[in-house]
Protein backbone atom coordinates (compact mmCIF):
# COMPACT_ATOMS: atom_id res chain seq x y z
CA UNK A 1 66.65 -24.76 134.71
CA UNK A 2 68.15 -26.45 138.03
CA UNK A 3 71.18 -25.53 139.83
CA UNK A 4 72.94 -28.70 141.32
CA UNK A 5 75.46 -28.73 144.14
CA UNK A 6 79.09 -29.75 143.27
CA UNK A 7 79.90 -33.13 144.92
CA UNK A 8 81.73 -32.41 148.12
CA UNK A 9 85.09 -34.17 147.07
CA UNK A 10 85.37 -32.88 143.48
CA UNK A 11 86.13 -29.39 141.88
CA UNK A 12 85.66 -28.75 138.10
CA UNK A 13 89.03 -28.50 136.29
CA UNK A 14 90.03 -24.92 135.40
CA UNK A 15 87.04 -23.25 137.13
CA UNK A 16 87.81 -19.52 137.47
CA UNK A 17 87.42 -17.75 140.74
CA UNK A 18 85.02 -14.91 141.45
CA UNK A 19 85.56 -11.84 143.42
CA UNK A 20 83.14 -10.17 145.53
CA UNK A 21 82.88 -6.33 146.01
CA UNK A 22 85.20 -5.11 148.41
CA UNK A 23 82.36 -2.95 149.85
CA UNK A 24 80.44 -5.99 150.94
CA UNK A 25 80.93 -8.48 153.80
CA UNK A 26 82.92 -11.81 152.74
CA UNK A 27 80.47 -14.18 150.84
CA UNK A 28 78.68 -16.85 152.81
CA UNK A 29 79.32 -20.45 152.12
CA UNK A 30 77.42 -21.57 149.04
CA UNK A 31 75.11 -24.58 149.31
CA UNK A 32 72.95 -24.55 146.20
CA UNK A 33 70.42 -27.20 145.14
CA UNK A 34 67.07 -25.51 144.30
CA UNK A 35 65.54 -25.70 140.85
CA UNK A 36 65.65 -22.46 138.68
CA UNK A 37 63.05 -21.64 136.13
CA UNK A 38 63.86 -19.26 133.33
CA UNK A 39 62.05 -17.79 130.30
CA UNK A 40 62.80 -20.05 127.37
CA UNK A 41 63.79 -18.94 123.98
CA UNK A 42 66.30 -16.31 125.12
CA UNK A 43 69.39 -16.03 122.65
CA UNK A 44 71.84 -15.73 125.41
CA UNK A 45 70.59 -18.89 127.12
CA UNK A 46 70.47 -20.73 123.77
CA UNK A 47 73.96 -20.21 123.14
CA UNK A 48 75.11 -21.74 126.48
CA UNK A 49 77.31 -24.73 125.78
CA UNK A 50 77.58 -27.94 127.98
CA UNK A 51 80.78 -27.49 130.19
CA UNK A 52 80.66 -23.88 129.77
CA UNK A 53 81.44 -21.80 132.83
CA UNK A 54 79.10 -18.64 133.46
CA UNK A 55 79.78 -15.61 135.72
CA UNK A 56 76.48 -14.71 137.72
CA UNK A 57 75.72 -11.75 140.07
CA UNK A 58 73.09 -12.24 143.04
CA UNK A 59 70.49 -9.53 142.77
CA UNK A 60 67.31 -8.74 144.56
CA UNK A 61 64.06 -8.59 142.61
CA UNK A 62 61.09 -6.00 143.54
CA UNK A 63 59.40 -8.80 144.92
CA UNK A 64 62.06 -9.31 147.59
CA UNK A 65 63.25 -12.60 146.39
CA UNK A 66 66.90 -13.34 144.89
CA UNK A 67 67.61 -13.79 141.45
CA UNK A 68 70.91 -14.49 139.36
CA UNK A 69 71.91 -12.20 136.60
CA UNK A 70 73.82 -14.20 133.89
CA UNK A 71 74.66 -11.71 131.01
CA UNK A 72 71.55 -10.45 129.70
CA UNK A 73 69.44 -13.24 131.27
CA UNK A 74 67.84 -13.17 134.75
CA UNK A 75 67.49 -16.67 136.40
CA UNK A 76 64.64 -16.65 138.95
CA UNK A 77 64.43 -19.79 141.42
CA UNK A 78 61.41 -21.57 142.07
CA UNK A 79 62.15 -21.73 145.84
CA UNK A 80 64.60 -19.14 147.64
CA UNK A 81 68.39 -19.35 147.06
CA UNK A 82 70.03 -20.36 150.27
CA UNK A 83 73.39 -18.87 151.65
CA UNK A 84 73.99 -16.25 148.85
CA UNK A 85 74.16 -12.52 149.52
CA UNK A 86 73.05 -9.61 147.21
CA UNK A 87 76.07 -8.31 145.25
CA UNK A 88 77.80 -11.66 145.64
CA UNK A 89 79.50 -12.86 142.35
CA UNK A 90 79.35 -16.76 141.66
CA UNK A 91 80.39 -19.06 139.06
CA UNK A 92 78.01 -21.79 137.48
CA UNK A 93 78.83 -24.36 134.85
CA UNK A 94 76.48 -25.76 132.23
CA UNK A 95 76.20 -29.41 132.85
CA UNK A 96 73.00 -30.31 130.86
CA UNK A 97 71.18 -28.67 127.86
CA UNK A 98 67.84 -29.46 126.22
CA UNK A 99 64.22 -29.13 127.31
CA UNK A 100 65.84 -28.02 130.73
CA UNK A 101 69.16 -26.30 131.29
CA UNK A 102 70.99 -27.64 134.45
CA UNK A 103 73.74 -25.57 135.96
CA UNK A 104 76.19 -26.72 138.79
CA UNK A 105 77.28 -23.91 141.20
CA UNK A 106 81.11 -23.72 141.59
CA UNK A 107 83.01 -22.56 144.70
CA UNK A 108 85.13 -19.51 143.99
CA UNK A 109 88.83 -20.14 143.83
CA UNK A 110 89.49 -17.25 146.17
CA UNK A 111 87.45 -18.83 148.79
CA UNK A 112 89.15 -22.03 148.40
CA UNK A 113 92.57 -20.61 148.40
CA UNK A 114 91.96 -18.76 151.68
CA UNK A 115 90.68 -21.86 153.30
CA UNK A 116 93.76 -23.77 152.26
CA UNK A 117 96.06 -21.12 153.42
CA UNK A 118 94.48 -21.19 156.94
CA UNK A 119 95.37 -24.76 157.07
CA UNK A 120 98.72 -24.61 155.76
CA UNK A 121 99.98 -21.37 157.37
CA UNK A 122 100.34 -22.57 161.01
CA UNK A 123 101.93 -25.80 160.12
CA UNK A 124 104.55 -24.87 157.51
CA UNK A 125 108.30 -24.98 158.19
CA UNK A 126 111.36 -25.25 156.43
CA UNK A 127 112.41 -28.39 154.43
CA UNK A 128 115.87 -27.99 155.45
CA UNK A 129 115.85 -29.95 158.85
CA UNK A 130 113.89 -32.77 157.48
CA UNK A 131 116.01 -33.35 154.47
CA UNK A 132 119.27 -32.81 156.40
CA UNK A 133 118.27 -35.38 159.02
CA UNK A 134 117.04 -37.97 156.42
CA UNK A 135 120.48 -37.43 154.67
CA UNK A 136 122.34 -37.94 157.84
CA UNK A 137 120.68 -41.35 158.33
CA UNK A 138 122.71 -42.63 155.53
CA UNK A 139 125.99 -41.19 156.59
CA UNK A 140 128.97 -43.65 157.45
CA UNK A 141 128.70 -42.95 161.15
CA UNK A 142 127.92 -45.30 164.10
CA UNK A 143 124.83 -43.02 165.13
CA UNK A 144 123.25 -43.32 161.69
CA UNK A 145 123.94 -47.02 161.39
CA UNK A 146 122.34 -47.60 165.04
CA UNK A 147 119.23 -45.64 164.16
CA UNK A 148 118.64 -47.41 160.73
CA UNK A 149 119.18 -50.72 162.68
CA UNK A 150 116.13 -49.96 164.96
CA UNK A 151 113.89 -48.45 162.30
CA UNK A 152 111.54 -50.96 160.07
CA UNK A 153 113.17 -51.52 156.66
CA UNK A 154 110.15 -50.03 154.88
CA UNK A 155 110.74 -46.69 156.70
CA UNK A 156 114.30 -46.67 156.09
CA UNK A 157 113.79 -47.40 152.22
CA UNK A 158 111.13 -44.53 151.96
CA UNK A 159 113.58 -42.26 153.62
CA UNK A 160 116.41 -43.35 151.31
CA UNK A 161 114.16 -42.90 148.22
CA UNK A 162 113.69 -39.34 149.17
CA UNK A 163 117.21 -38.52 149.64
CA UNK A 164 118.37 -40.48 146.50
CA UNK A 165 115.83 -38.55 144.28
CA UNK A 166 117.25 -35.16 145.27
CA UNK A 167 119.20 -33.69 142.43
CA UNK A 168 123.00 -32.93 142.65
CA UNK A 169 124.72 -29.81 141.79
CA UNK A 170 126.02 -31.32 138.53
CA UNK A 171 122.48 -32.39 137.44
CA UNK A 172 121.36 -28.95 138.10
CA UNK A 173 124.05 -27.46 135.84
CA UNK A 174 122.47 -28.89 132.75
CA UNK A 175 119.23 -27.70 131.08
CA UNK A 176 117.68 -31.28 131.13
CA UNK A 177 118.69 -31.81 134.61
CA UNK A 178 117.23 -28.47 135.70
CA UNK A 179 113.93 -29.05 133.78
CA UNK A 180 113.46 -32.37 135.55
CA UNK A 181 114.41 -31.19 138.84
CA UNK A 182 111.63 -28.40 138.80
CA UNK A 183 109.25 -30.98 137.33
CA UNK A 184 109.90 -33.24 140.37
CA UNK A 185 109.87 -30.42 143.10
CA UNK A 186 106.55 -31.37 144.32
CA UNK A 187 104.47 -28.30 143.20
CA UNK A 188 103.37 -29.92 139.85
CA UNK A 189 102.40 -33.29 141.27
CA UNK A 190 98.67 -32.93 141.00
CA UNK A 191 98.86 -31.23 137.64
CA UNK A 192 100.98 -34.31 136.39
CA UNK A 193 98.40 -36.64 137.93
CA UNK A 194 95.55 -34.86 135.89
CA UNK A 195 97.45 -34.78 132.59
CA UNK A 196 98.20 -38.45 132.92
CA UNK A 197 94.63 -39.16 133.54
CA UNK A 198 93.61 -37.14 130.75
CA UNK A 199 95.81 -39.12 128.33
CA UNK A 200 95.03 -42.41 129.79
CA UNK A 201 98.62 -42.75 131.04
CA UNK A 202 100.39 -44.20 134.01
CA UNK A 203 101.77 -41.01 135.91
CA UNK A 204 105.44 -41.35 136.42
CA UNK A 205 105.98 -40.02 139.98
CA UNK A 206 108.59 -42.12 141.58
CA UNK A 207 110.95 -39.12 141.89
CA UNK A 208 108.36 -36.44 142.83
CA UNK A 209 109.28 -34.86 146.25
CA UNK A 210 105.67 -34.37 147.27
CA UNK A 211 104.66 -37.94 146.52
CA UNK A 212 107.74 -39.26 148.34
CA UNK A 213 107.07 -37.12 151.38
CA UNK A 214 103.53 -38.13 151.48
CA UNK A 215 104.47 -41.72 151.34
CA UNK A 216 106.96 -41.02 153.99
CA UNK A 217 104.51 -39.44 156.27
CA UNK A 218 102.16 -42.40 156.21
CA UNK A 219 104.92 -44.92 156.91
CA UNK A 220 106.35 -42.83 159.64
CA UNK A 221 103.02 -42.53 161.39
CA UNK A 222 102.25 -46.24 160.80
CA UNK A 223 105.54 -47.01 162.48
CA UNK A 224 104.82 -44.77 165.21
CA UNK A 225 101.59 -46.58 165.89
CA UNK A 226 103.21 -49.97 165.79
CA UNK A 227 105.76 -48.90 168.49
CA UNK A 228 103.10 -48.76 171.20
CA UNK A 229 99.68 -47.41 170.19
CA UNK A 230 96.63 -49.44 170.89
CA UNK A 231 94.30 -50.71 167.97
CA UNK A 232 91.93 -48.03 168.97
CA UNK A 233 94.15 -45.60 166.90
CA UNK A 234 93.75 -47.61 163.74
CA UNK A 235 90.82 -45.32 162.72
CA UNK A 236 93.13 -42.29 162.74
CA UNK A 237 95.56 -44.19 160.54
CA UNK A 238 92.89 -45.30 158.06
CA UNK A 239 91.68 -41.72 158.03
CA UNK A 240 95.25 -40.46 157.34
CA UNK A 241 95.84 -42.95 154.63
CA UNK A 242 92.55 -41.86 152.79
CA UNK A 243 93.84 -38.24 152.86
CA UNK A 244 97.29 -38.98 151.58
CA UNK A 245 95.74 -40.35 148.43
CA UNK A 246 93.18 -37.44 148.09
CA UNK A 247 95.70 -34.96 146.60
CA UNK A 248 94.94 -31.10 146.41
CA UNK A 249 95.38 -29.67 143.03
CA UNK A 250 98.39 -27.91 142.11
CA UNK A 251 99.44 -25.10 139.91
CA UNK A 252 100.74 -25.26 136.20
CA UNK A 253 104.35 -24.18 135.27
CA UNK A 254 104.68 -20.56 134.45
CA UNK A 255 105.00 -21.31 130.70
CA UNK A 256 101.78 -23.38 130.49
CA UNK A 257 98.73 -21.96 128.97
CA UNK A 258 96.16 -24.08 130.91
CA UNK A 259 94.64 -22.60 134.17
CA UNK A 260 95.45 -24.38 137.31
CA UNK A 261 92.68 -26.18 139.16
CA UNK A 262 92.28 -24.72 142.48
CA UNK A 263 92.86 -26.89 145.71
CA UNK A 264 89.67 -28.25 147.48
CA UNK A 265 88.51 -26.08 150.36
CA UNK A 266 89.82 -26.95 153.65
CA UNK A 267 88.21 -26.17 157.05
CA UNK A 268 84.64 -25.55 155.69
CA UNK A 269 81.35 -27.41 156.33
CA UNK A 270 80.97 -30.44 154.15
CA UNK A 271 84.52 -30.22 152.43
CA UNK A 272 86.82 -33.05 152.49
CA UNK A 273 89.96 -32.82 154.71
CA UNK A 274 93.23 -32.34 153.39
CA UNK A 275 96.17 -34.79 153.72
CA UNK A 276 97.75 -32.26 156.17
CA UNK A 277 94.53 -32.16 158.31
CA UNK A 278 94.54 -35.88 158.30
CA UNK A 279 98.16 -35.78 159.29
CA UNK A 280 97.34 -33.68 162.18
CA UNK A 281 94.42 -35.48 163.46
CA UNK A 282 96.60 -38.62 163.29
CA UNK A 283 99.32 -36.78 165.34
CA UNK A 284 96.69 -35.81 167.88
CA UNK A 285 95.11 -39.42 167.96
CA UNK A 286 98.56 -40.75 168.52
CA UNK A 287 99.54 -38.38 171.53
CA UNK A 288 102.19 -36.43 169.68
CA UNK A 289 102.89 -32.69 170.44
CA UNK A 290 101.40 -29.99 168.37
CA UNK A 291 103.55 -28.50 165.66
CA UNK A 292 105.93 -25.56 166.44
CA UNK A 293 105.47 -22.64 164.19
CA UNK A 294 108.38 -21.99 162.08
CA UNK A 295 110.41 -18.67 162.04
CA UNK A 296 110.83 -19.06 158.46
CA UNK A 297 108.58 -16.51 156.49
CA UNK A 298 105.93 -18.57 154.74
CA UNK A 299 106.09 -18.42 150.82
CA UNK A 300 102.95 -16.40 150.21
CA UNK A 301 102.08 -14.94 146.91
CA UNK A 302 103.89 -11.79 145.95
CA UNK A 303 106.80 -12.46 148.48
CA UNK A 304 110.38 -12.64 147.13
CA UNK A 305 112.51 -15.85 147.36
CA UNK A 306 114.41 -16.18 150.74
CA UNK A 307 118.03 -17.66 150.94
CA UNK A 308 118.16 -20.51 153.57
CA UNK A 309 121.46 -21.45 154.97
CA UNK A 310 122.31 -25.35 155.26
CA UNK A 311 120.60 -26.86 158.34
CA UNK A 312 122.54 -28.60 161.05
CA UNK A 313 121.59 -32.28 161.62
CA UNK A 314 119.73 -32.94 164.93
CA UNK A 315 121.88 -34.50 167.67
CA UNK A 316 120.47 -38.00 167.86
CA UNK A 317 123.00 -39.88 169.83
CA UNK A 318 120.59 -39.72 173.16
CA UNK A 319 117.21 -39.96 171.22
CA UNK A 320 115.25 -43.23 171.19
CA UNK A 321 113.70 -44.52 167.83
CA UNK A 322 110.23 -43.20 169.08
CA UNK A 323 111.67 -39.66 169.52
CA UNK A 324 113.44 -39.76 166.22
CA UNK A 325 109.97 -40.70 164.53
CA UNK A 326 108.30 -37.96 166.34
CA UNK A 327 110.60 -35.36 165.21
CA UNK A 328 110.57 -36.83 161.48
CA UNK A 329 106.71 -36.64 161.56
CA UNK A 330 106.66 -33.17 162.68
CA UNK A 331 109.34 -32.05 160.10
CA UNK A 332 107.59 -33.92 157.18
CA UNK A 333 104.30 -32.35 158.01
CA UNK A 334 105.86 -28.98 158.09
CA UNK A 335 107.71 -29.51 154.73
CA UNK A 336 104.39 -30.76 153.07
CA UNK A 337 102.61 -27.64 154.30
CA UNK A 338 105.33 -25.45 152.88
CA UNK A 339 105.14 -27.29 149.55
CA UNK A 340 101.30 -26.51 149.60
CA UNK A 341 102.00 -22.96 150.25
CA UNK A 342 104.29 -22.74 147.15
CA UNK A 343 101.45 -24.33 145.10
CA UNK A 344 98.83 -21.78 146.51
CA UNK A 345 101.21 -18.85 145.66
CA UNK A 346 101.74 -20.16 142.04
CA UNK A 347 97.77 -20.24 141.49
CA UNK A 348 96.55 -17.54 139.06
CA UNK A 349 94.38 -14.69 140.71
CA UNK A 350 91.88 -12.36 139.18
CA UNK A 351 94.15 -9.38 140.25
CA UNK A 352 96.56 -9.86 137.26
CA UNK A 353 97.12 -12.07 134.45
CA UNK A 354 100.89 -12.85 135.05
CA UNK A 355 101.82 -16.44 135.25
CA UNK A 356 104.20 -17.33 138.07
CA UNK A 357 105.48 -20.73 139.48
CA UNK A 358 107.00 -20.71 143.15
CA UNK A 359 109.11 -23.62 144.39
CA UNK A 360 112.07 -24.58 146.40
CA UNK A 361 114.66 -27.07 144.82
CA UNK A 362 116.59 -29.11 147.28
CA UNK A 363 119.77 -30.29 146.05
CA UNK A 364 122.70 -32.63 147.33
CA UNK A 365 125.89 -30.64 147.59
CA UNK A 366 128.79 -32.50 149.09
CA UNK A 367 127.70 -34.13 152.28
CA UNK A 368 124.84 -31.76 152.84
CA UNK A 369 121.49 -30.44 151.60
CA UNK A 370 121.21 -26.98 150.24
CA UNK A 371 117.94 -25.19 149.19
CA UNK A 372 117.36 -23.07 146.18
CA UNK A 373 114.29 -20.90 146.25
CA UNK A 374 112.92 -20.24 142.78
CA UNK A 375 110.40 -17.90 141.44
CA UNK A 376 109.77 -18.08 137.61
CA UNK A 377 107.25 -15.32 136.14
CA UNK A 378 106.22 -14.70 132.59
CA UNK A 379 104.88 -11.41 131.57
CA UNK A 380 101.38 -11.67 129.68
CA UNK A 381 101.32 -11.07 126.06
CA UNK A 382 100.14 -7.55 125.15
CA UNK A 383 97.65 -7.47 122.18
CA UNK A 384 98.66 -4.10 121.73
CA UNK A 385 102.46 -5.02 121.03
CA UNK A 386 102.11 -8.40 119.15
CA UNK A 387 105.70 -8.23 118.09
CA UNK A 388 106.96 -8.02 121.61
CA UNK A 389 109.27 -10.99 122.35
CA UNK A 390 108.50 -13.29 125.40
CA UNK A 391 109.52 -11.84 128.78
CA UNK A 392 110.60 -14.01 131.54
CA UNK A 393 111.79 -13.10 135.22
CA UNK A 394 113.51 -15.79 137.14
CA UNK A 395 114.36 -14.94 140.80
CA UNK A 396 116.62 -16.99 142.86
CA UNK A 397 117.74 -17.19 146.52
CA UNK A 398 120.67 -19.25 147.99
CA UNK A 399 122.84 -19.35 151.03
CA UNK A 400 125.89 -21.53 150.39
CA UNK A 401 126.73 -21.31 154.03
CA UNK A 402 130.47 -19.83 153.42
CA UNK A 403 132.02 -16.61 153.27
CA UNK A 404 130.02 -15.34 150.45
CA UNK A 405 126.80 -15.39 152.37
CA UNK A 406 123.12 -15.19 151.31
CA UNK A 407 122.60 -14.45 147.69
CA UNK A 408 119.72 -13.26 145.64
CA UNK A 409 119.86 -13.39 141.84
CA UNK A 410 117.47 -11.90 139.21
CA UNK A 411 117.65 -13.24 135.74
CA UNK A 412 115.71 -11.54 132.88
CA UNK A 413 115.13 -13.09 129.70
CA UNK A 414 113.54 -10.80 126.89
CA UNK A 415 113.43 -12.81 123.57
CA UNK A 416 117.09 -13.88 122.96
CA UNK A 417 118.52 -11.12 125.46
CA UNK A 418 119.75 -12.22 129.15
CA UNK A 419 120.48 -9.94 131.98
CA UNK A 420 121.72 -11.17 135.40
CA UNK A 421 121.99 -9.23 138.59
CA UNK A 422 123.45 -10.59 141.87
CA UNK A 423 122.59 -9.31 145.28
CA UNK A 424 125.01 -10.16 148.12
CA UNK A 425 124.38 -9.37 151.71
CA UNK A 426 128.05 -9.31 152.72
CA UNK A 427 130.74 -7.15 151.50
CA UNK A 428 132.96 -10.31 150.99
CA UNK A 429 130.52 -12.08 148.90
CA UNK A 430 129.87 -8.88 146.69
CA UNK A 431 133.60 -8.65 146.15
CA UNK A 432 134.18 -12.31 145.25
CA UNK A 433 131.13 -12.14 142.74
CA UNK A 434 132.22 -8.89 141.17
CA UNK A 435 135.71 -10.35 140.38
CA UNK A 436 133.95 -13.11 138.49
CA UNK A 437 131.38 -10.95 136.45
CA UNK A 438 133.61 -10.91 133.43
CA UNK A 439 134.04 -14.69 133.40
CA UNK A 440 130.26 -15.25 133.90
CA UNK A 441 129.60 -13.00 130.74
CA UNK A 442 132.23 -14.89 128.71
CA UNK A 443 130.28 -18.11 129.70
CA UNK A 444 126.93 -16.93 128.78
CA UNK A 445 128.27 -15.55 125.33
CA UNK A 446 130.15 -18.86 124.65
CA UNK A 447 126.82 -20.54 125.15
CA UNK A 448 125.38 -18.42 122.40
CA UNK A 449 123.39 -16.11 124.69
CA UNK A 450 123.19 -12.42 123.88
CA UNK A 451 123.95 -10.88 127.15
CA UNK A 452 122.29 -7.63 128.20
CA UNK A 453 123.70 -6.70 131.63
CA UNK A 454 125.66 -8.71 134.29
CA UNK A 455 126.44 -7.03 137.66
CA UNK A 456 126.68 -7.53 141.28
CA UNK A 457 125.33 -5.36 144.28
CA UNK A 458 125.91 -5.34 147.79
CA UNK A 459 122.79 -5.52 150.04
CA UNK A 460 119.27 -6.54 149.39
CA UNK A 461 117.35 -6.02 146.21
CA UNK A 462 114.51 -3.41 145.95
CA UNK A 463 111.02 -4.77 145.91
CA UNK A 464 109.80 -5.45 142.49
CA UNK A 465 107.42 -2.84 141.19
CA UNK A 466 104.84 -2.83 138.23
CA UNK A 467 106.91 -2.77 135.05
CA UNK A 468 106.44 -0.28 132.31
CA UNK A 469 104.52 -1.21 128.98
CA UNK A 470 107.96 -1.32 127.26
CA UNK A 471 110.28 -3.61 129.09
CA UNK A 472 113.84 -2.57 129.48
CA UNK A 473 116.93 -5.05 129.73
CA UNK A 474 118.71 -2.60 132.14
CA UNK A 475 116.74 -0.80 134.96
CA UNK A 476 119.52 -0.59 137.65
CA UNK A 477 122.90 1.06 137.97
CA UNK A 478 125.88 -0.48 139.02
């Protein structure tokens, strides 16, 4: 049997991640490639199927060499295994069977997630500033018209596409519009690409936010280069372009049954750079300032949605077109980093089987842009309770920017029963919402929904805890 290395720019779909013992040091980078010989005729090995993913434990033999324990079989290499530690758990995929069995060593999803986080965390920032500034470009003002007139038509068109594709409040008010908005929020881009490829179809991504921002980023940097950079910087632009079309995998929605493909590793030897790394390299090559860390808490796994007030538009009356472009590139890179963090937060882990989708929905409300932070979570089915209905929890955070103030909403769906709890940070907001709780209940019942609880509280919601085996519709007092 042979172990073959995974090609540097590929990651097998649906590969599960391994976890090492917490008592051991972090796993070393895995760079396999040596042949492994096993005793033929073992039933466990004969049962392996091509494409099957196997869990293996690195162990030390009495001779002092390393071996891989796969089920009841011990795989012994002809040459020493490099860069593996005793006790480390790895994943291998069967790629060939017959007279010889060839395994391919997969990188653990936990390591991949950590590497991607290290790249995205320092660069993330709120999407509000970028989207508000893009939206302001198309307002009927002299400043907006002057800036549009000095920017290349292709860049203006890319910016307008991003703004026009943002959903409106009326679109989000319908089930079909909300479903389409979630689909195009950017966190499902790579999942949609993979699904289209599997079915031999052309992906429909013209309204996807992440795809639009990646196209916009490339056009922005290309325009910045054309405004005064030398041809020596063309290599950086070409590298950026290659990274923009090498998309990291995304998560599946909370209701999907397929396991998401983890993003490719970043910042490790032999791993391809991500689009964000390419963008950062291009920024440095073009002499642009480094990104400024955002005060907005990054959307990491396990964190609750955050309300974000509407963002004021940058004062651009005294800004040159080059200054405007520099600001746009920084904000676009920060927005893409934040979308990537949402994708990472939505990936499944070995710590629990719950399915979760994290995203931010920008929407056009009046003349401005507002952000709705969403977290959709589905409780796993319990084989001990086969009759238990599906259990969903949706957490929302929104700040309308008026007297009501920041809001957090928890919607619980158990079967056909719905409960909704509002949390308003301000006393005035809580008062106004309490006055309308009866109206909300009537609207839900008129829509045919079985309403369990509708309530409003002042302050911040408690941190969610592990739920009991038997979920309850009401677990809070008014």
